[in-house]
Amino acid sequence: MTIPFCKYHGTGNDFILIDQRETTYLKLDQHELIQFICDRRFGIGGDGLIILKNHADYDFEMIYYNSDGHQSSMCGNGGRCIVAFAKKMGIIAKEYSFLAIDGPHKATINENEIVSLEMIDVSAVKVGDEHFELNTGSPHYVTFVEDVDDINVVENGQAIRYSKPYRAEGINVNFVEKKEDKIVVLTYERGVEGETFSCGTGVTAAAIASRIDENMEKNSVHIQTRGGMLNVRFEKSDQGYKNIWLSGSATLVFEGELQTTAATVYPNLNARITG
């Protein structure tokens, strides 16, 4: 089978996007095939794969998979990329409304392909001795460090992600350095099981945590990731945080067609990687 696709990245967080509004190319349980497609040596390569589907009550529906081939929780940069992809596929709206695994989202895209995505409200923040935990569509662990360049993101991220409290469900780990006019965020992502160049739900969590940590009312935070700059703005409410918007670029890298017969050359890809 031939699968047409587009490759996008949101500040270095890269995704394969497939339009399944008319044709079903991938079934939801084809985990090994999706893992193959995301593999950077044998497939197209990406931090995740996103399916665009029709929905009766929204402009479209977003189905997101991590690169391990399994459907996952919300991806903020992926949400921004699917808005750009939907526009390319002919879905035109002044303000988009779409459904993701964590519920409905709104989004806008301007002439410079800057996509602003409304995230879910955050009602609870757990404050630990040296970290914060909050869910911004995906669960995040945020810890502040003096210098992110001194952190081995994979080694330290794995130590937290696979520690006893988080081993079963997994958690994304963000290392945050505060600077005068921005924060710098490096992220270890579950499902990818490595460092990504950017994480939309992660920078959202880090932005909120930075304001709690500094006990400030500022509601707009600039964030530097390895892949570029993002912005998060939000409002404090009695219940937590609302009107949370993640903004940044969503860039088309290339488009093409995948011959899935190639996947038969490397069956059981997960066994090859882990074995």
Protein backbone atom coordinates (compact mmCIF):
# COMPACT_ATOMS: atom_id res chain seq x y z
CA MET A 1 0.00 0.00 0.00
CA THR A 2 1.11 3.56 -0.74
CA ILE A 3 0.54 6.12 2.02
CA PRO A 4 0.76 9.84 1.19
CA PHE A 5 2.16 11.88 4.07
CA CYS A 6 3.58 15.23 5.12
CA LYS A 7 6.45 15.77 7.55
CA TYR A 8 6.16 18.80 9.87
CA HIS A 9 8.11 20.07 12.81
CA GLY A 10 7.17 22.44 15.62
CA THR A 11 10.45 23.93 16.88
CA GLY A 12 12.29 20.70 16.13
CA ASN A 13 9.60 18.36 17.48
CA ASP A 14 8.88 16.41 14.27
CA PHE A 15 5.85 14.46 13.12
CA ILE A 16 4.52 12.43 10.22
CA LEU A 17 1.00 13.56 9.32
CA ILE A 18 -1.49 11.41 7.39
CA ASP A 19 -4.91 12.49 6.10
CA GLN A 20 -7.45 9.72 6.76
CA ARG A 21 -10.63 11.67 6.14
CA GLU A 22 -11.41 9.72 2.96
CA THR A 23 -9.09 6.69 3.03
CA THR A 24 -8.01 4.56 5.99
CA TYR A 25 -4.30 3.89 5.52
CA LEU A 26 -3.49 2.91 9.09
CA LYS A 27 -5.58 1.05 11.65
CA LEU A 28 -5.36 2.19 15.25
CA ASP A 29 -3.81 -1.08 16.43
CA GLN A 30 -0.99 -1.28 13.85
CA HIS A 31 1.62 -0.47 16.46
CA GLU A 32 4.61 -2.11 14.78
CA LEU A 33 3.89 -0.44 11.44
CA ILE A 34 3.54 2.98 13.09
CA GLN A 35 6.79 2.37 15.00
CA PHE A 36 8.45 1.42 11.71
CA ILE A 37 7.22 4.60 10.01
CA CYS A 38 8.59 6.72 12.89
CA ASP A 39 11.98 4.99 12.89
CA ARG A 40 14.74 7.36 11.72
CA ARG A 41 16.77 4.67 9.93
CA PHE A 42 14.21 2.31 8.40
CA GLY A 43 11.16 4.57 8.09
CA ILE A 44 10.42 8.25 7.55
CA GLY A 45 11.51 9.29 11.04
CA GLY A 46 9.69 11.37 13.61
CA ASP A 47 8.95 11.91 17.28
CA GLY A 48 5.40 10.88 16.53
CA LEU A 49 2.73 10.16 13.92
CA ILE A 50 -0.55 12.06 13.67
CA ILE A 51 -3.73 11.07 11.87
CA LEU A 52 -6.22 13.67 10.61
CA LYS A 53 -9.81 12.40 10.74
CA ASN A 54 -13.27 13.79 10.12
CA HIS A 55 -15.51 14.56 13.09
CA ALA A 56 -19.17 15.51 12.95
CA ASP A 57 -18.92 18.20 15.64
CA TYR A 58 -15.48 19.70 14.94
CA ASP A 59 -13.34 20.80 12.01
CA PHE A 60 -11.35 17.59 12.45
CA GLU A 61 -10.08 15.03 14.96
CA MET A 62 -6.43 14.46 15.91
CA ILE A 63 -5.15 10.94 16.66
CA TYR A 64 -1.59 10.99 18.03
CA TYR A 65 1.00 8.22 18.35
CA ASN A 66 4.41 8.38 19.99
CA SER A 67 7.35 6.95 18.07
CA ASP A 68 7.01 3.69 20.03
CA GLY A 69 3.90 3.04 17.93
CA HIS A 70 1.32 3.50 20.66
CA GLN A 71 -1.41 6.09 20.97
CA SER A 72 -0.50 8.64 23.59
CA SER A 73 -1.76 11.63 25.54
CA MET A 74 -1.93 15.14 24.10
CA CYS A 75 0.99 16.55 22.13
CA GLY A 76 1.08 20.35 22.06
CA ASN A 77 3.53 20.80 19.19
CA GLY A 78 1.73 18.03 17.31
CA GLY A 79 -1.53 19.89 17.85
CA ARG A 80 0.00 22.99 16.32
CA CYS A 81 1.40 21.01 13.38
CA ILE A 82 -1.92 19.34 12.58
CA VAL A 83 -3.55 22.76 12.34
CA ALA A 84 -1.00 23.77 9.69
CA PHE A 85 -1.53 20.40 7.97
CA ALA A 86 -5.33 20.80 8.05
CA LYS A 87 -4.99 24.19 6.37
CA LYS A 88 -2.77 22.65 3.67
CA MET A 89 -5.35 19.90 3.17
CA GLY A 90 -8.04 22.52 2.49
CA ILE A 91 -9.68 22.87 5.89
CA ILE A 92 -9.97 26.62 6.23
CA ALA A 93 -11.22 28.38 9.37
CA LYS A 94 -10.68 31.69 11.11
CA GLU A 95 -10.49 29.76 14.37
CA TYR A 96 -10.11 26.00 14.23
CA SER A 97 -11.94 23.69 16.58
CA PHE A 98 -10.72 20.10 16.82
CA LEU A 99 -10.92 17.10 19.09
CA ALA A 100 -7.88 15.42 20.65
CA ILE A 101 -7.49 12.70 23.25
CA ASP A 102 -7.71 15.22 26.12
CA GLY A 103 -10.81 16.96 24.74
CA PRO A 104 -11.63 19.88 22.41
CA HIS A 105 -9.09 22.52 21.41
CA LYS A 106 -9.20 25.85 19.60
CA ALA A 107 -6.40 27.15 17.40
CA THR A 108 -5.49 29.94 15.00
CA ILE A 109 -2.81 30.22 12.33
CA ASN A 110 -1.46 33.46 10.88
CA GLU A 111 0.17 34.34 7.56
CA ASN A 112 3.61 33.45 8.94
CA GLU A 113 2.48 29.94 9.89
CA ILE A 114 2.59 30.79 13.60
CA VAL A 115 0.03 28.52 15.24
CA SER A 116 -1.55 29.38 18.58
CA LEU A 117 -3.19 26.46 20.34
CA GLU A 118 -5.51 26.60 23.33
CA MET A 119 -4.45 24.01 25.89
CA ILE A 120 -6.62 22.40 28.56
CA ASP A 121 -7.12 24.17 31.89
CA VAL A 122 -4.75 23.17 34.68
CA SER A 123 -6.58 22.66 37.95
CA ALA A 124 -3.95 20.99 40.10
CA VAL A 125 -0.22 21.49 40.59
CA LYS A 126 1.68 19.21 42.94
CA VAL A 127 4.61 20.98 44.56
CA GLY A 128 7.42 18.70 45.72
CA ASP A 129 10.65 19.46 47.53
CA GLU A 130 12.55 20.18 44.31
CA HIS A 131 9.99 19.80 41.56
CA PHE A 132 6.46 20.46 40.31
CA GLU A 133 4.02 17.97 38.80
CA LEU A 134 1.12 19.02 36.59
CA ASN A 135 -0.92 17.74 33.68
CA THR A 136 -1.16 20.01 30.63
CA GLY A 137 -2.70 17.31 28.43
CA SER A 138 0.22 15.02 29.29
CA PRO A 139 1.77 14.50 32.74
CA HIS A 140 4.91 16.51 33.44
CA TYR A 141 7.64 16.67 36.06
CA VAL A 142 9.34 20.10 36.15
CA THR A 143 12.58 20.75 37.98
CA PHE A 144 14.67 23.94 37.99
CA VAL A 145 18.43 23.81 37.48
CA GLU A 146 21.23 26.36 37.49
CA ASP A 147 22.47 25.52 33.98
CA VAL A 148 20.71 23.16 31.58
CA ASP A 149 24.00 22.63 29.73
CA ASP A 150 25.25 20.72 32.76
CA ILE A 151 22.35 18.23 32.59
CA ASN A 152 22.47 14.89 30.83
CA VAL A 153 18.84 14.95 29.78
CA VAL A 154 18.56 11.29 28.81
CA GLU A 155 20.38 9.90 31.85
CA ASN A 156 18.69 12.16 34.38
CA GLY A 157 15.33 12.03 32.62
CA GLN A 158 15.31 8.23 32.56
CA ALA A 159 16.22 8.09 36.25
CA ILE A 160 13.07 10.07 37.10
CA ARG A 161 10.76 8.58 34.46
CA TYR A 162 11.59 5.01 35.52
CA SER A 163 11.69 5.69 39.26
CA LYS A 164 9.11 3.84 41.35
CA PRO A 165 6.41 6.58 41.49
CA TYR A 166 6.28 6.99 37.69
CA ARG A 167 7.48 3.68 36.23
CA ALA A 168 4.07 2.22 35.41
CA GLU A 169 2.38 5.21 33.75
CA GLY A 170 5.46 7.19 32.80
CA ILE A 171 6.02 10.93 33.06
CA ASN A 172 7.71 13.57 30.91
CA VAL A 173 10.64 15.27 32.60
CA ASN A 174 11.54 18.94 32.05
CA PHE A 175 14.77 20.61 33.14
CA VAL A 176 14.30 24.37 33.34
CA GLU A 177 16.81 27.21 33.61
CA LYS A 178 15.51 30.71 34.39
CA LYS A 179 16.97 33.66 32.53
CA GLU A 180 16.11 37.35 32.73
CA ASP A 181 13.61 37.46 29.87
CA LYS A 182 12.82 33.78 29.25
CA ILE A 183 13.20 30.23 30.47
CA VAL A 184 15.19 27.48 28.77
CA VAL A 185 13.54 24.04 28.75
CA LEU A 186 15.01 20.64 27.88
CA THR A 187 12.64 17.66 27.88
CA TYR A 188 12.84 13.90 28.19
CA GLU A 189 9.67 12.39 26.69
CA ARG A 190 8.04 9.11 27.61
CA GLY A 191 6.99 7.10 24.55
CA VAL A 192 9.90 8.59 22.63
CA GLU A 193 12.14 7.50 25.54
CA GLY A 194 14.70 10.14 24.80
CA GLU A 195 15.22 13.87 24.53
CA THR A 196 13.13 15.77 22.02
CA PHE A 197 14.12 19.15 20.61
CA SER A 198 10.90 20.65 21.98
CA CYS A 199 7.74 19.60 23.83
CA GLY A 200 4.60 21.72 23.70
CA THR A 201 2.87 20.34 26.77
CA GLY A 202 6.26 20.39 28.53
CA VAL A 203 6.99 24.08 27.93
CA THR A 204 3.41 24.84 28.99
CA ALA A 205 4.00 23.01 32.27
CA ALA A 206 7.37 24.72 32.71
CA ALA A 207 5.90 28.18 32.07
CA ILE A 208 3.21 27.71 34.72
CA ALA A 209 5.68 26.18 37.18
CA SER A 210 8.11 29.08 36.70
CA ARG A 211 5.44 31.60 37.67
CA ILE A 212 4.47 29.57 40.74
CA ASP A 213 8.12 29.22 41.72
CA GLU A 214 8.72 32.96 41.41
CA ASN A 215 5.34 33.86 42.95
CA MET A 216 4.68 36.34 40.14
CA GLU A 217 1.55 37.36 38.27
CA LYS A 218 3.18 37.62 34.85
CA ASN A 219 1.03 35.67 32.42
CA SER A 220 3.22 35.42 29.30
CA VAL A 221 6.43 33.42 29.20
CA HIS A 222 8.98 33.09 26.40
CA ILE A 223 10.59 29.67 26.22
CA GLN A 224 13.81 28.64 24.50
CA THR A 225 14.00 25.00 23.43
CA ARG A 226 16.70 23.22 21.44
CA GLY A 227 14.51 23.65 18.36
CA GLY A 228 13.47 27.28 18.73
CA MET A 229 11.32 29.75 20.63
CA LEU A 230 7.80 29.27 21.93
CA ASN A 231 5.44 31.40 23.97
CA VAL A 232 2.91 30.40 26.60
CA ARG A 233 0.31 32.79 27.97
CA PHE A 234 -2.31 32.02 30.59
CA GLU A 235 -4.57 33.43 33.29
CA LYS A 236 -4.65 32.56 36.98
CA SER A 237 -8.06 31.51 38.27
CA ASP A 238 -9.52 30.32 41.55
CA GLN A 239 -9.45 26.78 40.17
CA GLY A 240 -5.90 26.97 38.80
CA TYR A 241 -4.93 28.22 35.34
CA LYS A 242 -7.13 28.87 32.30
CA ASN A 243 -7.01 30.46 28.83
CA ILE A 244 -3.66 28.75 28.28
CA TRP A 245 -2.30 29.32 24.78
CA LEU A 246 0.85 27.80 23.27
CA SER A 247 2.25 29.69 20.26
CA GLY A 248 5.07 29.03 17.83
CA SER A 249 6.00 28.01 14.31
CA ALA A 250 4.73 24.89 12.55
CA THR A 251 6.88 24.12 9.53
CA LEU A 252 6.33 21.82 6.55
CA VAL A 253 9.58 19.90 5.98
CA PHE A 254 8.63 17.70 3.02
CA GLU A 255 5.85 15.55 1.63
CA GLY A 256 5.93 12.20 -0.11
CA GLU A 257 4.57 8.67 -0.38
CA LEU A 258 5.52 5.66 1.73
CA GLN A 259 5.51 2.13 0.33
CA THR A 260 4.54 0.04 3.33
CA THR A 261 5.97 -3.11 1.73
CA ALA A 262 9.31 -1.80 3.04
CA ALA A 263 8.11 -2.61 6.55
CA THR A 264 8.21 -6.32 5.78
CA VAL A 265 11.99 -6.12 5.35
CA TYR A 266 12.36 -5.23 9.03
CA PRO A 267 9.60 -7.08 10.91
CA ASN A 268 9.39 -6.94 14.70
CA LEU A 269 11.29 -3.65 14.78
CA ASN A 270 10.81 -3.29 18.53
CA ALA A 271 12.50 -6.65 19.11
CA ARG A 272 15.41 -5.54 16.93
CA ILE A 273 15.84 -2.35 18.95
CA THR A 274 15.47 -3.81 22.42
CA GLY A 275 17.02 -7.21 21.75
